[in-house]
Amino acid sequence: MKNEVKEIELAEKLAALPKVSLGFFPTPLHKLENISKDLGVNLYIKRDDFSGRNLFGGNKIRKLEYLLGDAKKQGCEYVFTYGATQSNHAMQTAAACRTVGLKPVLYLVAIVPVDENDIRSNLLLDQIFDAEIHIVSVQEGETEEQAEERSFVMAAERQKELEAEGHKCYNVPMGGASYVGSTAFMGGYLELTKQMESFNLHADYLFHATGTGGTLAGLVAGKKAMESDTEIVSVNVSAKDDSYLIHVADLANEALDHLGLDTRIDGFKDLHTDLNYYAPGYEIPNERAKIAIKYLASMEGLLVDPVYTGKAFAGLLDYIRTGKVKQGSTVVFWHTGGATALFAEKSIVGL
């Protein structure tokens, strides 16, 4: 009864927020029968790669329902966002904007140089969605982070131009990592819980890829709000330090505040992130992810990508095979999408 009350309270608070309809929810949840038998666990997969209206969905659609709902409420016309040139988030933002009559503006850092004669994958889709695209090259002696900061400055200048012409703009952070976006994944955690309950199951572990931290913040906030004991294992896809835990906890607490909930997240106690599977770097493939991608494809006919979900699935497999996840456990892998990266530049794919 206590859990049911918590579920109802969270659902009611989420329903009161501004929102647009972009995806098909709940996204499917099903058991990976062949891998479950092979590894001795009960492994389920949450298919947020199926969330969008177009063929290329992903976890950002959840966030964008609330982010673009907020933009519409504020009367905005343009939506700015950021990422790498093959950003799943940027592509989904462009698609979502077109769904609800907003104009997408993308500032994309070329971590991998772009061949203008061979535009691929998400960047090609950005063009098809007719987004206003600004490619920001990483200059000699400049780090990726410095290039990102420069892209924010460039975007701010463009926003000023548009607003001076009378066009109101809305700013979406990289990955949709704001408290507004994270509240969506509080709803996602509630959705998963109800699905597992319909199977008369409880998840011992939930694995997912984490980048900018918005998804993780929402999941851990949802877990805390519902007083769940599922262990969330968040596999990093890029280098992070302790400031990342503080950042994610702040996002989670802002999302809880946004819903009027007084429980709190401690980044060092409530978060379980793992940096052992991303190397050698963001958007750079590695052997363990390559093996994990091919294992899932050969065992279940399903695809994950080399940038995010492949590395997270490699982490999941390692946890099971080394006994960090006990035999017989019920495990959920949250598929955040991104398989379009399999069709990106060769230096990203790595297969």
Protein backbone atom coordinates (compact mmCIF):
# COMPACT_ATOMS: atom_id res chain seq x y z
CA MET A 1 0.00 0.00 0.00
CA LYS A 2 2.86 2.40 0.86
CA ASN A 3 4.42 1.95 -2.60
CA GLU A 4 1.04 2.45 -4.26
CA VAL A 5 0.55 5.75 -2.41
CA LYS A 6 4.01 6.93 -3.48
CA GLU A 7 3.27 5.99 -7.11
CA ILE A 8 -0.03 7.87 -7.10
CA GLU A 9 1.55 10.97 -5.50
CA LEU A 10 4.37 11.08 -8.05
CA ALA A 11 2.00 10.52 -10.99
CA GLU A 12 -0.27 13.36 -9.85
CA LYS A 13 2.61 15.80 -9.46
CA LEU A 14 4.00 14.96 -12.90
CA ALA A 15 0.56 15.35 -14.49
CA ALA A 16 0.40 18.97 -13.26
CA LEU A 17 3.48 20.04 -15.28
CA PRO A 18 3.35 21.61 -18.77
CA LYS A 19 4.05 18.96 -21.37
CA VAL A 20 3.71 18.19 -25.07
CA SER A 21 3.07 14.76 -26.57
CA LEU A 22 6.09 13.48 -28.49
CA GLY A 23 6.47 9.77 -27.82
CA PHE A 24 4.66 6.51 -27.29
CA PHE A 25 4.65 5.57 -23.62
CA PRO A 26 5.08 3.31 -21.82
CA THR A 27 7.99 2.10 -23.90
CA PRO A 28 8.24 -1.70 -24.19
CA LEU A 29 9.88 -3.83 -21.53
CA HIS A 30 10.74 -7.41 -22.38
CA LYS A 31 12.99 -10.23 -21.28
CA LEU A 32 16.16 -11.13 -23.14
CA GLU A 33 15.54 -14.87 -22.97
CA ASN A 34 18.69 -16.09 -24.70
CA ILE A 35 21.11 -13.93 -22.73
CA SER A 36 19.26 -14.65 -19.48
CA LYS A 37 19.86 -18.37 -20.02
CA ASP A 38 23.45 -17.84 -21.08
CA LEU A 39 24.40 -15.65 -18.10
CA GLY A 40 22.17 -17.07 -15.36
CA VAL A 41 20.25 -13.88 -14.58
CA ASN A 42 16.80 -12.58 -15.44
CA LEU A 43 17.68 -9.79 -17.86
CA TYR A 44 15.04 -7.34 -19.13
CA ILE A 45 15.48 -4.45 -21.53
CA LYS A 46 13.61 -1.14 -21.35
CA ARG A 47 13.18 0.07 -24.93
CA ASP A 48 13.45 3.85 -24.80
CA ASP A 49 14.99 3.56 -28.26
CA PHE A 50 11.33 3.13 -29.30
CA SER A 51 10.08 6.32 -27.66
CA GLY A 52 10.01 8.76 -30.57
CA ARG A 53 7.45 9.19 -33.32
CA ASN A 54 10.06 8.87 -36.02
CA LEU A 55 12.22 5.78 -36.56
CA PHE A 56 15.13 7.21 -34.58
CA GLY A 57 13.83 7.70 -31.06
CA GLY A 58 15.67 7.61 -27.76
CA ASN A 59 15.65 8.63 -24.13
CA LYS A 60 15.74 12.38 -24.82
CA ILE A 61 12.15 12.27 -26.07
CA ARG A 62 10.98 11.87 -22.47
CA LYS A 63 12.83 15.01 -21.44
CA LEU A 64 11.76 16.94 -24.50
CA GLU A 65 8.07 16.42 -23.71
CA TYR A 66 8.58 18.56 -20.60
CA LEU A 67 11.27 20.87 -21.99
CA LEU A 68 9.28 21.80 -25.08
CA GLY A 69 6.12 21.96 -22.99
CA ASP A 70 7.90 24.61 -20.93
CA ALA A 71 9.07 26.37 -24.12
CA LYS A 72 5.52 26.45 -25.50
CA LYS A 73 4.17 27.73 -22.19
CA GLN A 74 6.67 30.60 -22.33
CA GLY A 75 5.63 31.45 -25.89
CA CYS A 76 9.00 30.64 -27.45
CA GLU A 77 9.55 30.28 -31.19
CA TYR A 78 13.16 29.00 -31.38
CA VAL A 79 14.84 26.23 -29.36
CA PHE A 80 18.62 26.18 -28.99
CA THR A 81 20.61 23.13 -27.95
CA TYR A 82 24.13 21.72 -28.06
CA GLY A 83 26.20 18.58 -28.45
CA ALA A 84 28.69 16.80 -30.68
CA THR A 85 28.04 16.55 -34.41
CA GLN A 86 26.58 13.06 -33.95
CA SER A 87 24.55 14.03 -30.88
CA ASN A 88 21.47 11.86 -30.36
CA HIS A 89 20.00 14.61 -28.20
CA ALA A 90 20.44 17.30 -30.86
CA MET A 91 18.80 15.14 -33.51
CA GLN A 92 15.87 14.26 -31.25
CA THR A 93 15.48 17.93 -30.33
CA ALA A 94 15.29 18.89 -34.00
CA ALA A 95 12.67 16.21 -34.65
CA ALA A 96 10.65 17.11 -31.56
CA CYS A 97 10.68 20.82 -32.41
CA ARG A 98 9.26 20.09 -35.85
CA THR A 99 6.51 17.99 -34.25
CA VAL A 100 5.22 20.91 -32.14
CA GLY A 101 5.92 23.86 -34.44
CA LEU A 102 9.15 25.16 -32.93
CA LYS A 103 12.34 26.05 -34.83
CA PRO A 104 15.49 24.11 -33.82
CA VAL A 105 18.93 25.73 -33.69
CA LEU A 106 21.88 23.38 -33.10
CA TYR A 107 25.46 24.20 -32.08
CA LEU A 108 27.50 21.07 -32.66
CA VAL A 109 31.15 20.56 -31.75
CA ALA A 110 33.10 18.53 -34.32
CA ILE A 111 34.98 16.18 -31.98
CA VAL A 112 35.40 13.98 -35.05
CA PRO A 113 36.05 16.14 -38.16
CA VAL A 114 33.08 16.36 -40.51
CA ASP A 115 33.45 15.43 -44.17
CA GLU A 116 31.04 17.82 -45.87
CA ASN A 117 30.93 15.48 -48.87
CA ASP A 118 29.86 12.52 -46.73
CA ILE A 119 27.35 13.69 -44.13
CA ARG A 120 26.09 10.72 -42.11
CA SER A 121 23.81 9.49 -39.36
CA ASN A 122 22.43 12.06 -36.90
CA LEU A 123 24.00 15.02 -38.66
CA LEU A 124 22.28 13.96 -41.88
CA LEU A 125 18.98 13.67 -39.99
CA ASP A 126 19.51 17.16 -38.53
CA GLN A 127 19.69 18.46 -42.09
CA ILE A 128 16.58 16.55 -43.14
CA PHE A 129 14.69 18.07 -40.17
CA ASP A 130 15.83 21.46 -41.53
CA ALA A 131 17.48 22.56 -38.31
CA GLU A 132 19.64 25.67 -38.26
CA ILE A 133 23.03 23.98 -37.82
CA HIS A 134 26.27 25.58 -36.64
CA ILE A 135 29.36 23.33 -36.73
CA VAL A 136 31.99 24.37 -34.18
CA SER A 137 35.44 22.97 -35.00
CA VAL A 138 37.90 22.20 -32.21
CA GLN A 139 40.72 24.66 -32.82
CA GLU A 140 44.40 23.83 -32.52
CA GLY A 141 45.44 23.77 -28.84
CA GLU A 142 41.80 23.82 -27.71
CA THR A 143 40.15 21.09 -25.60
CA GLU A 144 36.68 19.70 -26.33
CA GLU A 145 35.39 21.47 -23.22
CA GLN A 146 36.78 24.79 -24.43
CA ALA A 147 35.14 24.28 -27.81
CA GLU A 148 31.84 23.57 -26.05
CA GLU A 149 32.16 26.76 -24.02
CA ARG A 150 32.82 28.68 -27.22
CA SER A 151 29.70 27.14 -28.78
CA PHE A 152 27.64 28.45 -25.85
CA VAL A 153 29.02 31.97 -26.41
CA MET A 154 28.26 31.76 -30.14
CA ALA A 155 24.72 30.56 -29.40
CA ALA A 156 24.13 33.38 -26.92
CA GLU A 157 25.08 35.89 -29.63
CA ARG A 158 22.67 34.27 -32.08
CA GLN A 159 19.89 34.31 -29.48
CA LYS A 160 20.43 38.02 -28.96
CA GLU A 161 20.07 38.57 -32.71
CA LEU A 162 16.81 36.65 -32.89
CA GLU A 163 15.35 38.24 -29.77
CA ALA A 164 16.22 41.70 -31.10
CA GLU A 165 14.06 40.79 -34.10
CA GLY A 166 11.19 39.83 -31.76
CA HIS A 167 11.69 36.05 -31.69
CA LYS A 168 11.62 34.48 -28.23
CA CYS A 169 14.19 31.71 -27.68
CA TYR A 170 14.38 28.74 -25.31
CA ASN A 171 17.68 27.24 -24.22
CA VAL A 172 18.00 23.46 -23.72
CA PRO A 173 21.30 22.34 -22.12
CA MET A 174 23.42 19.56 -23.60
CA GLY A 175 21.60 16.26 -23.23
CA GLY A 176 18.51 18.05 -21.93
CA ALA A 177 20.24 17.98 -18.54
CA SER A 178 18.09 20.42 -16.59
CA TYR A 179 15.72 19.89 -13.69
CA VAL A 180 12.81 20.18 -16.13
CA GLY A 181 14.21 17.37 -18.26
CA SER A 182 15.12 15.24 -15.25
CA THR A 183 11.57 15.27 -13.92
CA ALA A 184 10.67 13.25 -17.02
CA PHE A 185 12.87 10.42 -15.84
CA MET A 186 11.23 10.46 -12.45
CA GLY A 187 8.19 9.54 -14.51
CA GLY A 188 10.29 7.01 -16.40
CA TYR A 189 11.27 5.31 -13.15
CA LEU A 190 7.62 5.22 -12.12
CA GLU A 191 6.73 3.72 -15.51
CA LEU A 192 9.34 0.97 -15.16
CA THR A 193 8.21 0.17 -11.62
CA LYS A 194 4.62 -0.29 -12.72
CA GLN A 195 5.68 -2.49 -15.62
CA MET A 196 7.77 -4.70 -13.35
CA GLU A 197 4.85 -4.93 -10.92
CA SER A 198 2.61 -6.09 -13.77
CA PHE A 199 5.06 -8.99 -14.25
CA ASN A 200 5.09 -9.61 -10.47
CA LEU A 201 8.80 -8.76 -10.51
CA HIS A 202 11.18 -6.43 -8.71
CA ALA A 203 14.40 -5.16 -10.31
CA ASP A 204 17.51 -5.83 -8.24
CA TYR A 205 19.64 -3.76 -10.62
CA LEU A 206 19.07 -1.10 -13.28
CA PHE A 207 21.93 -0.38 -15.71
CA HIS A 208 22.13 2.58 -18.09
CA ALA A 209 24.61 4.84 -19.88
CA THR A 210 25.21 8.27 -18.39
CA GLY A 211 26.68 11.31 -20.12
CA THR A 212 25.48 14.78 -19.16
CA GLY A 213 23.64 13.33 -16.15
CA GLY A 214 20.04 14.40 -16.70
CA THR A 215 18.72 10.87 -17.14
CA LEU A 216 20.63 9.64 -14.09
CA ALA A 217 19.37 12.56 -11.99
CA GLY A 218 15.77 11.75 -12.87
CA LEU A 219 16.12 8.02 -12.28
CA VAL A 220 17.76 8.43 -8.87
CA ALA A 221 15.22 11.10 -7.89
CA GLY A 222 12.38 8.79 -8.93
CA LYS A 223 13.92 5.95 -6.96
CA LYS A 224 14.26 8.16 -3.87
CA ALA A 225 10.72 9.54 -4.19
CA MET A 226 9.30 6.02 -4.37
CA GLU A 227 11.62 4.65 -1.65
CA SER A 228 12.80 1.89 -3.99
CA ASP A 229 15.75 -0.36 -3.20
CA THR A 230 16.72 -1.15 -6.82
CA GLU A 231 20.44 -0.48 -7.32
CA ILE A 232 21.02 1.89 -10.23
CA VAL A 233 24.39 1.36 -11.93
CA SER A 234 25.27 4.29 -14.19
CA VAL A 235 28.04 3.57 -16.68
CA ASN A 236 29.92 6.73 -17.65
CA VAL A 237 30.58 7.35 -21.35
CA SER A 238 33.19 10.06 -20.78
CA ALA A 239 35.73 11.13 -18.17
CA LYS A 240 34.25 12.58 -14.99
CA ASP A 241 35.45 13.56 -11.51
CA ASP A 242 33.69 14.01 -8.16
CA SER A 243 32.16 17.28 -9.33
CA TYR A 244 29.95 15.17 -11.61
CA LEU A 245 28.33 13.49 -8.60
CA ILE A 246 27.64 16.89 -7.08
CA HIS A 247 26.21 18.16 -10.38
CA VAL A 248 23.89 15.15 -10.80
CA ALA A 249 22.74 15.35 -7.18
CA ASP A 250 21.96 19.06 -7.64
CA LEU A 251 19.90 18.27 -10.76
CA ALA A 252 18.06 15.51 -8.91
CA ASN A 253 17.29 17.77 -5.95
CA GLU A 254 16.10 20.56 -8.26
CA ALA A 255 13.78 18.04 -9.95
CA LEU A 256 12.45 16.96 -6.56
CA ASP A 257 11.92 20.61 -5.62
CA HIS A 258 10.16 21.19 -8.93
CA LEU A 259 7.61 18.56 -7.91
CA GLY A 260 7.35 19.81 -4.35
CA LEU A 261 8.98 16.73 -2.81
CA ASP A 262 11.18 17.25 0.25
CA THR A 263 13.37 14.13 0.09
CA ARG A 264 17.03 14.69 -0.85
CA ILE A 265 19.83 13.07 -2.89
CA ASP A 266 23.41 12.83 -1.65
CA GLY A 267 25.71 12.43 -4.65
CA PHE A 268 28.31 10.41 -2.76
CA LYS A 269 25.82 8.07 -1.09
CA ASP A 270 22.97 7.70 -3.57
CA LEU A 271 24.83 7.53 -6.89
CA HIS A 272 26.72 4.52 -8.28
CA THR A 273 28.64 5.62 -11.37
CA ASP A 274 31.36 3.55 -13.02
CA LEU A 275 34.23 5.00 -15.07
CA ASN A 276 35.74 1.66 -16.08
CA TYR A 277 34.11 1.27 -19.49
CA TYR A 278 34.34 4.57 -21.42
CA ALA A 279 38.07 4.68 -22.29
CA PRO A 280 39.81 5.88 -24.36
CA GLY A 281 37.21 8.68 -24.53
CA TYR A 282 33.86 10.03 -25.58
CA GLU A 283 32.87 9.05 -29.13
CA ILE A 284 35.97 6.82 -29.28
CA PRO A 285 35.14 3.09 -29.55
CA ASN A 286 36.70 0.38 -27.41
CA GLU A 287 37.08 -3.38 -27.62
CA ARG A 288 34.72 -4.26 -24.76
CA ALA A 289 31.90 -2.24 -26.29
CA LYS A 290 32.58 -3.83 -29.67
CA ILE A 291 32.28 -7.31 -28.14
CA ALA A 292 29.14 -6.33 -26.21
CA ILE A 293 27.46 -4.92 -29.34
CA LYS A 294 28.13 -8.09 -31.30
CA TYR A 295 27.11 -10.34 -28.38
CA LEU A 296 23.71 -8.65 -28.01
CA ALA A 297 23.20 -8.65 -31.78
CA SER A 298 24.08 -12.34 -32.16
CA MET A 299 22.13 -13.50 -29.11
CA GLU A 300 19.00 -11.36 -29.38
CA GLY A 301 19.04 -9.59 -32.77
CA LEU A 302 19.14 -6.19 -31.02
CA LEU A 303 21.43 -3.22 -31.62
CA VAL A 304 23.20 -0.84 -29.26
CA ASP A 305 25.73 1.83 -30.21
CA PRO A 306 29.48 2.32 -29.67
CA VAL A 307 29.19 5.71 -27.94
CA TYR A 308 26.61 5.14 -25.19
CA THR A 309 24.63 1.93 -24.91
CA GLY A 310 27.39 -0.38 -26.13
CA LYS A 311 29.71 0.77 -23.35
CA ALA A 312 26.92 0.54 -20.78
CA PHE A 313 26.02 -2.98 -21.92
CA ALA A 314 29.70 -3.95 -21.71
CA GLY A 315 29.63 -2.79 -18.10
CA LEU A 316 26.51 -4.83 -17.38
CA LEU A 317 28.07 -7.98 -18.86
CA ASP A 318 31.24 -7.49 -16.83
CA TYR A 319 29.29 -7.02 -13.59
CA ILE A 320 27.44 -10.28 -14.21
CA ARG A 321 30.47 -12.30 -15.30
CA THR A 322 32.61 -11.13 -12.38
CA GLY A 323 29.89 -11.79 -9.81
CA LYS A 324 29.19 -8.17 -8.88
CA VAL A 325 25.66 -9.04 -9.95
CA LYS A 326 24.70 -12.34 -8.36
CA GLN A 327 23.33 -15.26 -10.32
CA GLY A 328 19.54 -15.33 -10.36
CA SER A 329 19.27 -11.55 -10.00
CA THR A 330 16.63 -9.59 -11.90
CA VAL A 331 18.38 -6.95 -13.99
CA VAL A 332 17.01 -4.22 -16.25
CA PHE A 333 19.05 -2.57 -19.02
CA TRP A 334 17.65 0.82 -19.99
CA HIS A 335 18.20 1.19 -23.74
CA THR A 336 18.57 4.93 -24.21
CA GLY A 337 18.80 4.72 -28.01
CA GLY A 338 21.61 5.90 -30.25
CA ALA A 339 21.98 3.01 -32.70
CA THR A 340 22.23 5.60 -35.49
CA ALA A 341 25.89 5.92 -34.42
CA LEU A 342 26.47 2.57 -36.12
CA PHE A 343 26.14 4.51 -39.38
CA ALA A 344 28.36 7.42 -38.38
CA GLU A 345 31.99 8.10 -39.23
CA LYS A 346 34.26 5.05 -39.16
CA SER A 347 36.31 6.49 -36.28
CA ILE A 348 33.15 6.49 -34.13
CA VAL A 349 31.80 3.09 -35.14
CA GLY A 350 34.91 0.99 -34.53
CA LEU A 351 33.34 -2.34 -35.55
